[in-house]
Amino acid sequence: MSELPGSKRAAGGDEDSAGTPEGGGAGSVPTKRPRTIAAYAGASSSSGGGAEGGGSAASPEDLQGAGPRTIVTFNLNGASPRLAKNWNEIKGFLEEHKPDLVCFQEVRLPAKGVPKAKKEDDTGRKRWQLKDDTAADRKDVALVDRTLRALARRLGYRLVMSLANSKYAGTAALVRNTCPATDIFYGFTSGAEHDREGRVIAIEYPSVTVLALYVPNNGSKAESFQRRRRWDDELCGFVDKYSGKLVITGDLNVAHQDADLTHASFFKGMFPAANPEDSGQPGCTPAEKRRHSRLLESGGGLVDAYRRLNPVPAAGAGDAGTETEGMTWRGTAGNQVAAMGRYYGKGMRIDYFLLSTVLAPRIKEVKVFGSGADRDGFLGSDHCPLMLTLLP
């Protein structure tokens, strides 16, 4: 979700100031797979190369029917603060669960570009590498090296990234070497370009493609509404035309139903707009919910894995209070008195695993690791990690 409209955002501005409206757009359906892990395997750690980790690749025979059994999604709300302040918790989580694939959103690490490039300048951007121009940049590179990259080498993962021009948006993934991807691409467009805000990593396996997304926040202005509509339309178009089996995961920035909110009346009453369809907390507007319903009907149908295992309650959903299960985002406490924070004790379910219907019988478990107003299990973020476990 990132910061809420009207709130002060650390490092990178709010969702409404995300460059041009085209910035988050993803384009048309891929006709080829332009990027692979192997393309970046030789990049050095110090330059923030896109792939990291040891271990040998499996033979084509070993890959038949292969795909991840355990997938984690986690919006970090900034990699730098999480790796600096909460690394021991995150490391312990990954060491304990050892998922086949980890998808991170909102890493907020800038991509390498030409020296002294302005943040609007896309020239020469290497979105799989970290910017290392300044002392502050190099501090972030060193932090990633001694945390995520070191863990990737030790546990046998490859680290891939898709980054924006500044400390804004961006995604990353840890791909286990014993469950290798056959290909990776970084946008909905044909060709080799990453999404310019680093919002898409598609990890392709022989049996399934995992589409890891950080969906743009709807914001509270007409231009941001338009931007989000364009994104949602392009995602639906991609799913409609993509022929393989899909798992869509990440911060999708929408609470589909009232049951996906702790305080539905509160959220739906926020940020009135000229068009009632756009009124409400970003992620809770009627227009966003309707487009999410359309997404679930795209490409032969998608199944919300959490809701398949945890159906909407028959009554009382939507204003159940702070301990409602399944909320993946929780509001921040007040600066001096916790309960004084406007969003304290309130939560939304906006992080998902959506699966092609043919994969639905394989859903074993969706575990939401965070709970409560004080964000137990959130590992320092405002989102908590989720893990999908699939049957063979």
Protein backbone atom coordinates (compact mmCIF):
# COMPACT_ATOMS: atom_id res chain seq x y z
CA MET A 1 0.00 0.00 0.00
CA SER A 2 2.78 2.43 0.97
CA GLU A 3 1.99 5.73 2.66
CA LEU A 4 -1.56 7.03 2.76
CA PRO A 5 -2.68 10.13 0.84
CA GLY A 6 -1.95 13.27 2.79
CA SER A 7 0.65 11.64 5.03
CA LYS A 8 4.34 12.39 5.10
CA ARG A 9 6.37 9.72 3.34
CA ALA A 10 9.92 8.77 4.14
CA ALA A 11 12.34 8.66 1.21
CA GLY A 12 10.57 9.14 -2.04
CA GLY A 13 7.32 11.09 -1.79
CA ASP A 14 3.78 9.79 -1.79
CA GLU A 15 2.03 7.63 -4.37
CA ASP A 16 0.53 10.65 -6.06
CA SER A 17 3.93 12.11 -6.94
CA ALA A 18 5.12 9.12 -8.94
CA GLY A 19 6.33 10.90 -12.06
CA THR A 20 4.27 10.84 -15.24
CA PRO A 21 0.98 8.98 -15.50
CA GLU A 22 2.67 6.62 -17.95
CA GLY A 23 5.26 5.67 -15.36
CA GLY A 24 3.45 2.69 -13.93
CA GLY A 25 1.93 1.50 -17.18
CA ALA A 26 3.03 -1.89 -18.34
CA GLY A 27 1.93 -2.11 -21.95
CA SER A 28 1.06 -5.07 -24.13
CA VAL A 29 1.36 -8.82 -23.77
CA PRO A 30 4.86 -10.30 -24.17
CA THR A 31 5.57 -12.13 -27.40
CA LYS A 32 8.94 -13.36 -26.19
CA ARG A 33 10.84 -13.76 -22.94
CA PRO A 34 13.52 -11.07 -23.13
CA ARG A 35 15.26 -11.45 -19.78
CA THR A 36 16.54 -14.50 -17.99
CA ILE A 37 18.35 -14.99 -14.72
CA ALA A 38 21.39 -16.15 -16.68
CA ALA A 39 21.58 -12.76 -18.39
CA TYR A 40 22.57 -11.17 -15.09
CA ALA A 41 24.41 -14.02 -13.43
CA GLY A 42 27.79 -12.44 -14.05
CA ALA A 43 27.00 -9.08 -12.48
CA SER A 44 29.16 -8.20 -9.52
CA SER A 45 27.80 -7.78 -6.03
CA SER A 46 29.31 -4.35 -5.59
CA SER A 47 27.42 -2.96 -8.56
CA GLY A 48 24.09 -4.36 -7.43
CA GLY A 49 23.88 -7.01 -10.15
CA GLY A 50 20.52 -8.58 -10.79
CA ALA A 51 21.32 -12.20 -9.92
CA GLU A 52 23.15 -13.68 -6.99
CA GLY A 53 23.65 -17.04 -5.39
CA GLY A 54 25.55 -20.28 -5.73
CA GLY A 55 24.65 -23.75 -6.86
CA SER A 56 24.50 -25.31 -10.30
CA ALA A 57 21.52 -25.14 -12.62
CA ALA A 58 19.35 -28.19 -13.07
CA SER A 59 19.30 -30.03 -16.39
CA PRO A 60 16.24 -29.65 -18.66
CA GLU A 61 15.18 -33.16 -17.66
CA ASP A 62 15.19 -32.15 -13.99
CA LEU A 63 12.93 -29.19 -14.76
CA GLN A 64 10.00 -31.18 -16.16
CA GLY A 65 6.95 -30.34 -14.07
CA ALA A 66 9.05 -28.19 -11.74
CA GLY A 67 7.72 -25.13 -9.99
CA PRO A 68 7.69 -23.55 -6.53
CA ARG A 69 5.78 -25.27 -3.74
CA THR A 70 6.22 -22.43 -1.24
CA ILE A 71 6.00 -18.74 -2.21
CA VAL A 72 6.37 -15.77 0.14
CA THR A 73 5.26 -12.23 -0.67
CA PHE A 74 6.33 -9.29 1.52
CA ASN A 75 6.07 -5.53 1.05
CA LEU A 76 9.16 -4.22 2.84
CA ASN A 77 8.06 -0.56 3.03
CA GLY A 78 11.66 0.29 2.12
CA ALA A 79 14.54 -2.18 1.93
CA SER A 80 17.04 0.14 3.60
CA PRO A 81 15.18 0.55 6.92
CA ARG A 82 14.11 -3.11 6.98
CA LEU A 83 17.61 -4.44 6.31
CA ALA A 84 19.16 -1.98 8.78
CA LYS A 85 16.65 -2.29 11.63
CA ASN A 86 14.87 -5.62 11.17
CA TRP A 87 17.37 -7.84 9.39
CA ASN A 88 17.68 -10.39 12.18
CA GLU A 89 13.89 -10.91 12.15
CA ILE A 90 13.76 -11.17 8.35
CA LYS A 91 16.78 -13.47 8.22
CA GLY A 92 15.29 -15.70 10.89
CA PHE A 93 12.00 -15.87 9.01
CA LEU A 94 13.69 -16.90 5.76
CA GLU A 95 15.97 -19.39 7.50
CA GLU A 96 13.01 -21.00 9.22
CA HIS A 97 10.67 -21.29 6.25
CA LYS A 98 13.15 -21.59 3.34
CA PRO A 99 10.55 -20.80 0.67
CA ASP A 100 11.18 -21.71 -2.95
CA LEU A 101 10.46 -18.13 -4.02
CA VAL A 102 10.37 -14.83 -2.12
CA CYS A 103 8.78 -11.76 -3.75
CA PHE A 104 9.53 -8.35 -2.23
CA GLN A 105 7.67 -5.13 -3.03
CA GLU A 106 8.39 -1.47 -2.32
CA VAL A 107 12.13 -1.99 -1.96
CA ARG A 108 12.70 1.74 -2.65
CA LEU A 109 16.26 1.34 -3.92
CA PRO A 110 17.29 3.46 -6.95
CA ALA A 111 18.50 1.91 -10.21
CA LYS A 112 21.94 2.58 -11.59
CA GLY A 113 22.00 5.18 -14.37
CA VAL A 114 24.43 7.50 -16.09
CA PRO A 115 26.48 9.57 -13.60
CA LYS A 116 24.54 12.46 -12.04
CA ALA A 117 21.34 11.51 -13.88
CA LYS A 118 18.20 13.33 -12.81
CA LYS A 119 15.57 11.08 -11.31
CA GLU A 120 13.27 11.63 -14.32
CA ASP A 121 16.06 10.54 -16.71
CA ASP A 122 15.71 6.93 -17.89
CA THR A 123 18.86 7.09 -20.03
CA GLY A 124 21.17 4.14 -19.43
CA ARG A 125 19.20 2.83 -16.47
CA LYS A 126 20.21 -0.64 -15.38
CA ARG A 127 17.15 -1.54 -13.36
CA TRP A 128 18.71 -4.75 -12.12
CA GLN A 129 21.63 -2.86 -10.52
CA LEU A 130 21.79 -0.54 -7.53
CA LYS A 131 22.81 3.09 -7.97
CA ASP A 132 26.26 3.65 -6.45
CA ASP A 133 27.07 7.29 -7.31
CA THR A 134 27.09 8.83 -3.85
CA ALA A 135 28.26 7.84 -0.39
CA ALA A 136 24.64 7.27 0.62
CA ASP A 137 24.11 5.05 -2.44
CA ARG A 138 27.20 3.01 -1.63
CA LYS A 139 26.02 2.61 1.95
CA ASP A 140 22.82 1.02 0.62
CA VAL A 141 24.82 -1.23 -1.74
CA ALA A 142 26.96 -2.41 1.17
CA LEU A 143 23.85 -3.01 3.28
CA VAL A 144 22.26 -5.17 0.58
CA ASP A 145 25.57 -7.02 0.06
CA ARG A 146 25.99 -8.02 3.69
CA THR A 147 22.33 -8.95 4.21
CA LEU A 148 20.26 -10.16 1.25
CA ARG A 149 23.15 -11.11 -1.01
CA ALA A 150 25.04 -12.89 1.75
CA LEU A 151 21.90 -14.81 2.71
CA ALA A 152 21.23 -15.67 -0.93
CA ARG A 153 24.69 -17.19 -1.30
CA ARG A 154 24.45 -19.09 1.97
CA LEU A 155 20.94 -20.50 1.50
CA GLY A 156 21.19 -21.02 -2.26
CA TYR A 157 19.09 -18.29 -3.84
CA ARG A 158 19.52 -15.90 -6.74
CA LEU A 159 18.58 -12.29 -6.05
CA VAL A 160 16.91 -10.42 -8.92
CA MET A 161 15.70 -6.83 -8.85
CA SER A 162 13.65 -4.37 -10.87
CA LEU A 163 14.20 -0.82 -9.65
CA ALA A 164 12.84 2.68 -10.21
CA ASN A 165 14.96 5.78 -10.82
CA SER A 166 14.74 6.97 -7.23
CA LYS A 167 13.93 5.64 -3.77
CA TYR A 168 10.43 4.78 -4.83
CA ALA A 169 8.49 1.58 -5.64
CA GLY A 170 10.71 -1.26 -6.96
CA THR A 171 10.59 -5.02 -6.52
CA ALA A 172 13.01 -7.87 -5.89
CA ALA A 173 12.87 -11.65 -5.67
CA LEU A 174 14.87 -14.52 -4.19
CA VAL A 175 14.70 -17.54 -6.51
CA ARG A 176 15.87 -20.83 -4.98
CA ASN A 177 18.56 -22.58 -7.01
CA THR A 178 17.03 -26.00 -6.36
CA CYS A 179 13.78 -24.71 -7.92
CA PRO A 180 15.23 -22.68 -10.79
CA ALA A 181 13.27 -20.44 -13.09
CA THR A 182 13.48 -21.05 -16.82
CA ASP A 183 13.03 -17.34 -17.57
CA ILE A 184 12.32 -13.99 -15.95
CA PHE A 185 10.78 -10.89 -17.49
CA TYR A 186 10.10 -7.52 -15.97
CA GLY A 187 7.00 -5.97 -17.50
CA PHE A 188 3.89 -6.61 -19.52
CA THR A 189 5.50 -5.21 -22.69
CA SER A 190 7.23 -7.08 -25.49
CA GLY A 191 10.97 -6.59 -25.58
CA ALA A 192 13.62 -6.25 -22.93
CA GLU A 193 12.62 -3.16 -20.95
CA HIS A 194 11.72 -3.29 -17.27
CA ASP A 195 8.67 -1.47 -16.01
CA ARG A 196 10.18 1.96 -15.34
CA GLU A 197 9.04 1.94 -11.70
CA GLY A 198 10.14 -1.65 -11.16
CA ARG A 199 6.64 -2.89 -10.38
CA VAL A 200 6.74 -6.24 -12.21
CA ILE A 201 8.84 -9.38 -11.90
CA ALA A 202 7.49 -12.42 -13.75
CA ILE A 203 9.27 -15.66 -12.82
CA GLU A 204 8.61 -18.41 -15.32
CA TYR A 205 8.88 -22.10 -14.42
CA PRO A 206 8.11 -25.15 -16.58
CA SER A 207 4.73 -25.62 -14.90
CA VAL A 208 3.67 -22.09 -13.86
CA THR A 209 4.54 -18.40 -14.12
CA VAL A 210 4.58 -16.32 -10.93
CA LEU A 211 3.70 -12.68 -11.63
CA ALA A 212 4.97 -10.64 -8.67
CA LEU A 213 3.49 -7.13 -8.62
CA TYR A 214 3.57 -3.88 -6.71
CA VAL A 215 0.38 -2.28 -7.99
CA PRO A 216 0.24 1.56 -7.98
CA ASN A 217 -1.76 3.13 -5.18
CA ASN A 218 -5.03 4.63 -6.42
CA GLY A 219 -4.21 7.95 -4.77
CA SER A 220 -6.79 10.68 -4.27
CA LYS A 221 -6.55 12.77 -7.46
CA ALA A 222 -8.04 12.42 -10.93
CA GLU A 223 -4.68 11.75 -12.60
CA SER A 224 -3.83 8.97 -10.16
CA PHE A 225 -7.28 7.41 -10.65
CA GLN A 226 -6.59 7.37 -14.40
CA ARG A 227 -3.15 5.89 -13.90
CA ARG A 228 -4.52 3.08 -11.76
CA ARG A 229 -7.34 2.37 -14.23
CA ARG A 230 -4.78 2.05 -17.01
CA TRP A 231 -2.68 -0.34 -14.93
CA ASP A 232 -5.68 -2.51 -14.02
CA ASP A 233 -6.81 -2.64 -17.65
CA GLU A 234 -3.35 -3.68 -18.83
CA LEU A 235 -3.09 -6.37 -16.16
CA CYS A 236 -6.46 -7.82 -17.17
CA GLY A 237 -5.34 -7.74 -20.81
CA PHE A 238 -2.17 -9.61 -19.95
CA VAL A 239 -4.04 -12.29 -18.01
CA ASP A 240 -6.64 -12.66 -20.79
CA LYS A 241 -3.98 -13.36 -23.41
CA TYR A 242 -1.39 -15.25 -21.38
CA SER A 243 -1.65 -18.94 -22.21
CA GLY A 244 0.15 -20.47 -19.23
CA LYS A 245 -0.81 -21.16 -15.64
CA LEU A 246 -0.42 -18.12 -13.40
CA VAL A 247 0.15 -17.25 -9.78
CA ILE A 248 -0.27 -13.50 -9.28
CA THR A 249 1.12 -12.26 -5.99
CA GLY A 250 2.24 -9.11 -4.25
CA ASP A 251 0.79 -5.88 -2.93
CA LEU A 252 -2.22 -5.45 -5.22
CA ASN A 253 -3.40 -2.36 -3.32
CA VAL A 254 -7.08 -3.32 -3.22
CA ALA A 255 -9.35 -4.70 -0.51
CA HIS A 256 -11.87 -6.58 -2.61
CA GLN A 257 -14.71 -6.92 -0.10
CA ASP A 258 -15.82 -5.41 3.20
CA ALA A 259 -14.56 -8.58 4.88
CA ASP A 260 -11.07 -7.52 3.77
CA LEU A 261 -11.25 -4.46 6.08
CA THR A 262 -11.28 -4.21 9.84
CA HIS A 263 -13.39 -1.04 9.76
CA ALA A 264 -15.26 -0.94 6.47
CA SER A 265 -17.36 2.13 7.31
CA PHE A 266 -14.25 4.13 8.22
CA PHE A 267 -12.32 3.23 5.07
CA LYS A 268 -15.23 3.71 2.70
CA GLY A 269 -15.96 7.12 4.22
CA MET A 270 -12.48 8.51 3.60
CA PHE A 271 -11.47 10.83 0.73
CA PRO A 272 -14.78 11.73 -0.94
CA ALA A 273 -14.45 12.32 -4.69
CA ALA A 274 -16.57 14.02 -7.33
CA ASN A 275 -17.35 10.61 -8.78
CA PRO A 276 -18.73 8.30 -6.06
CA GLU A 277 -16.97 5.39 -7.79
CA ASP A 278 -13.63 6.94 -6.77
CA SER A 279 -14.62 7.82 -3.19
CA GLY A 280 -13.03 6.11 -0.24
CA GLN A 281 -9.64 5.09 1.05
CA PRO A 282 -7.30 4.14 -1.81
CA GLY A 283 -7.72 0.41 -2.22
CA CYS A 284 -11.33 0.54 -1.01
CA THR A 285 -13.12 2.50 -3.73
CA PRO A 286 -16.01 0.96 -5.68
CA ALA A 287 -14.10 1.38 -8.96
CA GLU A 288 -11.06 -0.53 -7.69
CA LYS A 289 -13.19 -3.31 -6.26
CA ARG A 290 -15.11 -3.67 -9.50
CA ARG A 291 -11.90 -3.88 -11.54
CA HIS A 292 -10.54 -6.50 -9.15
CA SER A 293 -13.68 -8.55 -9.75
CA ARG A 294 -12.97 -8.28 -13.47
CA LEU A 295 -9.40 -9.45 -12.90
CA LEU A 296 -10.69 -12.54 -11.10
CA GLU A 297 -12.78 -13.34 -14.20
CA SER A 298 -9.89 -12.81 -16.65
CA GLY A 299 -8.00 -15.53 -18.47
CA GLY A 300 -10.42 -18.32 -17.67
CA GLY A 301 -10.68 -17.24 -14.05
CA LEU A 302 -8.43 -16.65 -11.05
CA VAL A 303 -8.91 -17.95 -7.52
CA ASP A 304 -8.13 -15.88 -4.42
CA ALA A 305 -6.22 -18.55 -2.49
CA TYR A 306 -6.83 -17.01 0.94
CA ARG A 307 -10.57 -16.67 0.36
CA ARG A 308 -10.80 -20.21 -1.00
CA LEU A 309 -9.56 -21.44 2.38
CA ASN A 310 -11.22 -18.68 4.45
CA PRO A 311 -14.64 -17.82 2.95
CA VAL A 312 -16.27 -14.50 3.77
CA PRO A 313 -18.22 -14.76 7.05
CA ALA A 314 -21.99 -14.92 6.70
CA ALA A 315 -22.50 -11.86 8.91
CA GLY A 316 -20.59 -9.19 10.75
CA ALA A 317 -17.76 -8.82 8.26
CA GLY A 318 -16.12 -5.47 7.77
CA ASP A 319 -16.27 -3.80 11.19
CA ALA A 320 -14.97 -6.59 13.37
CA GLY A 321 -12.24 -4.62 15.12
CA THR A 322 -8.49 -4.70 15.44
CA GLU A 323 -7.98 -8.44 15.76
CA THR A 324 -9.65 -9.41 12.48
CA GLU A 325 -7.65 -12.26 10.97
CA GLY A 326 -6.09 -12.09 7.55
CA MET A 327 -5.30 -8.37 7.41
CA THR A 328 -1.98 -7.90 5.58
CA TRP A 329 -1.61 -4.13 6.12
CA ARG A 330 -1.97 -2.35 9.47
CA GLY A 331 -2.09 1.35 10.28
CA THR A 332 0.67 3.19 12.10
CA ALA A 333 0.42 4.22 15.74
CA GLY A 334 0.40 7.86 16.78
CA ASN A 335 3.73 9.58 17.44
CA GLN A 336 3.20 9.95 21.19
CA VAL A 337 0.11 7.94 22.05
CA ALA A 338 -0.41 4.82 19.95
CA ALA A 339 -4.19 5.00 19.90
CA MET A 340 -4.09 8.59 18.58
CA GLY A 341 -2.92 7.47 15.13
CA ARG A 342 -5.80 7.84 12.68
CA TYR A 343 -5.19 4.38 11.21
CA TYR A 344 -4.02 2.69 14.41
CA GLY A 345 -5.88 -0.56 14.99
CA LYS A 346 -7.22 -0.59 11.45
CA GLY A 347 -6.20 -3.01 8.74
CA MET A 348 -6.79 -4.14 5.18
CA ARG A 349 -6.15 -7.32 3.23
CA ILE A 350 -4.41 -5.99 0.13
CA ASP A 351 -1.66 -8.58 -0.46
CA TYR A 352 -2.72 -11.65 -2.41
CA PHE A 353 -2.09 -14.96 -4.08
CA LEU A 354 -4.37 -15.27 -7.14
CA LEU A 355 -4.11 -18.58 -9.00
CA SER A 356 -5.39 -19.84 -12.32
CA THR A 357 -8.45 -21.96 -11.56
CA VAL A 358 -6.70 -25.10 -12.77
CA LEU A 359 -4.23 -24.66 -9.88
CA ALA A 360 -6.92 -24.26 -7.20
CA PRO A 361 -6.93 -27.95 -6.15
CA ARG A 362 -3.25 -27.60 -5.27
CA ILE A 363 -3.79 -24.88 -2.65
CA LYS A 364 -2.76 -26.33 0.70
CA GLU A 365 -2.29 -23.28 2.92
CA VAL A 366 -2.07 -19.50 2.89
CA LYS A 367 -0.43 -18.29 6.07
CA VAL A 368 -0.69 -14.62 7.06
CA PHE A 369 2.12 -14.09 9.55
CA GLY A 370 1.05 -10.74 11.01
CA SER A 371 -1.76 -9.83 13.38
CA GLY A 372 -3.09 -7.16 15.70
CA ALA A 373 -2.99 -3.42 16.09
CA ASP A 374 0.65 -3.49 17.17
CA ARG A 375 1.66 -5.40 14.03
CA ASP A 376 3.03 -8.57 15.55
CA GLY A 377 4.84 -10.56 12.87
CA PHE A 378 5.15 -7.62 10.47
CA LEU A 379 8.97 -7.67 10.69
CA GLY A 380 9.09 -3.87 10.94
CA SER A 381 6.96 -3.11 7.88
CA ASP A 382 3.37 -1.90 7.62
CA HIS A 383 2.66 -5.07 5.62
CA CYS A 384 3.24 -8.59 6.90
CA PRO A 385 4.68 -11.53 4.96
CA LEU A 386 2.33 -14.17 3.54
CA MET A 387 3.21 -17.68 2.40
CA LEU A 388 1.39 -19.88 -0.09
CA THR A 389 1.98 -23.63 0.12
CA LEU A 390 0.96 -25.79 -2.85
CA LEU A 391 0.38 -29.51 -3.00
CA PRO A 392 2.51 -31.48 -5.50
